[in-house]
Every structure is written in structure tokens, then in C-alpha cells.
Amino acid sequence: MVGLGALRGSPLRTALSTLGVVIGVGALVSVLAVGDGVERFARQQIERSTDLLMIMVTPRTSRSMDGIMVRMADYPVFSSVDATALQDALGSAAAVYLGVVGGVAARAVGDSTVRGVIVSGVGAVPRDLPYTVHAGRLLDAADLTAGEPVVVFPAATADALGLTVGDSVLLGPASFRIVGLLAAPDSATRVPAVVPLDVVARALAPMPPPPPAVTIRVGTIEAVPAVRESVEAWLGARWPDWNDRVAVQSNERLVDQARQGMLIFKLLMGAITGISLVVGGIGIMNVLLASVTERTREIGIRRAAGARRGDILVQFLAEAVTITGAGSAAGVLLGIGVAMGVAALMRAQTEADIHAALTLPTMVVAAAAAIIVGLASGLYPAIRAARLPPIDAIRTE
């Protein structure tokens, strides 16, 4: 109560020191919130347009002997049972697909215009695809078991060939009925033609299809290394020499670069805005030092009346925490408003779907930074006040 009374006694000085904290916390919250929003947007773009979240497990069909690639006769052939077992081992951390991929020529029936497409034969209902359904539908469980030649075709290639849902398209020598059209989030992303695994050999004829491969799509960038370790452990339990029998591929280096880039961005922005919070802390220190000078006689009387050094120390620290607490509350509100405004400006200027994201870590960092600055700024004035000799303090005019 004594500390609050002292703060109310100098309202202008207290308000100015609080304003420094408001600006510092507001800047920190706004930058972190916008940074979280940009990170979320970047993650969405990575998931949609790159293969950083993919892990490929493919059988090794050949081996190098004396500098010559020799075809192997006993390479593993993955089945839907293997895909199901791996999915059970990974749980909800990733989605497992069994498939065959190959490139073929595509054209409309009765037309000579040809386009190259990648055909992906899948053994399970696709989910979490990095594409959007432009028209029609995706493959369902009935398509995978009926043995019918159906395809979910790339929308851009369908437009080039003048095809739509319900039309027939020639993939290689075989005719497939289009049940859906897939679109990519940007024109640079290649979209495959997705067909049931049982009929993919028709599109790739007369060449025999490659052995099925297992594709694992991970939920987040951070989880890729752990999921890869789990996949390798599952393979090791089946084949002690699995590294000679299958190849496990992922863009580990690019994943690490993406994670590191996001972390560096947030640390840099937080460090820059943290400077303004330090400036606010210096303002608090100045206010409390002035308060110690003005109230030297009062401190001496309190010490003579029985107050201990710890009581004086707590009093001035309480004043510092009060200033930072009030400034932090107002700063958070200011930061949220500024972050929303900046995100709206970024959307208007770039047409990128960026929104301010106020996460729990952001709130914790802002609150912790304000408390630390408040305590650090008030510690020296509080110690100085507590160490004043009572007799000398009382004699001070």
C-alpha cells in the first residue's frame, strides 16, 4: 500500500514510465504475433507445394557390384498389409500410402493432343493430400476394390486436353474414366493422375510397373526426423540388413533449414523489439531512483520505526512490478491491435492469407519479459533504498 501511494503521488512520472513498458510489450507482442502468423502461412505453403513432409521407402531393385549396377532378384515387394502395419506403428504422427509412380502420355479419346502426366497408383483412400478437389471427387474404398479404370486427373492438364469429370482419357494404351479433378495451390506444383493400385499396370503397359513403394506424409516439419527414425526401426525389425534392401529418402537437410529459418526469424524479431522493452525498464529505474532520493527521510523513519531492510526492498520491488504489470496488460492489448492491423496490411499488399496468431508461447514470453525487466529495473533502486543508514536518512532534508 505504501508503494502504491508513492506511485499515485507522482502520477505523471508514473504514467510516463508505464508508457515505456506499454510500448515495449506492445512491440514485442505485435512482432511475435505477426511472426507466428507468417510462420503458419509458411508452413501451409510448405505443406501444399513441397515434399518436405514426405518420406519415401522404395525397394532397391539393383545393387552396385564392381562399379556395375546389377539387378536384384529378391528385392522386397510391399503390400497393403505392410502399409497397414507401418501405419499402426506410426499412429497418428503420419499417413502411410502404398503406391506405384510412373510417367505416361495422356490424351483425349479421338484427339491427337498429348500431355505428359505422372500416374500414381494408390492402395488406400488418399487423405491429407496437398491438393484441392477442383471438380468431382477423390477415389473411395469402392474404387480401390472394384478394379474399374477410374482416375482423379490434374485439372490443368484436363483443361489443356478439353476434358472434364465423366470423360474418358487415355493413359498410355488404356482408357480411364475421370471421376475428379485435382488442382495445386500454385501453377508450379505438378499434380499426379491418381488411379487404383490394381489397375495402374494398364497405364504403364507394355512396360512392367515398378515395385510398389511406401510414401509417408508427416504432419509437421518438426516431426519428420522422429517419424523417419520410427520408419527405420520398423524396417530394422523386419530386415536386419534393411539398408541394403530398401532406400529411405527424405529432404532432411531442407527440413532442418526450414526449421532453423523459422526459429532465426522469430529470435531476430524478438531481440529487436526487446530493445524497446529494455528502454522501458530504464525508465522504471529512473523513476524509482528519483523516488528513493525524494523519500530518503521517509525511508529512514520507517527503518527507525522497525522496518527491516527486506521490507524496504519488497516495497520498491512491488512498485516496479506494479508499473510493469499495468504496462504489460495495456501493452498486450496494444500489440494485438497493431498485429491485426499489420497482418491486414500485408494481406492487402501481397494477397497472402496471413493473419496475426496470438499463441500461448507469445503471451508467456511477453509476460515473462515484462516481469524480468520490472524486477531487474527495480532491483538496484530497491537495494539502494534498503541499504540507507537510518540515522543518515532521517537527517536528510
Foldseek 3Di string as FASTA:
>chain_A
DVLVVLCVVCVVLLVVLLQLLLQLLLLLLLLLLLLVLVLVLVQLCCLQFHCQQKKKKFWDQWDADPNDTGGDDDFDFDDVVNQVVLCVLLDPQWHKWKWFKDKFWKAAVPDPDIDIFIEIATQAFDDSHSWDWPDADGDHPCQQPVLAQAKAEAPVVCVVRVHDQQGWMQQANDIHHYRTHIYGPDPVGGDHIYHHRSCVQVNVPPDGTGRMMMMIGGDGLVCRVVSVVSVVVVQCVVPVVSVNTIDMDHPNVVSVVSVVVSVVSSVVSSVVSNVSNLVSLLSLLVVLLVVLVVCLQVLLVCVVVPDALVNLLVSLLVSLCVSLVVSNVSSNVSNQVSSQVVQVVCCVVPVRPGGRHRDPVSSVVSVVSSSVSSNVSRRVSSNVSSPRNSVVSNPDD
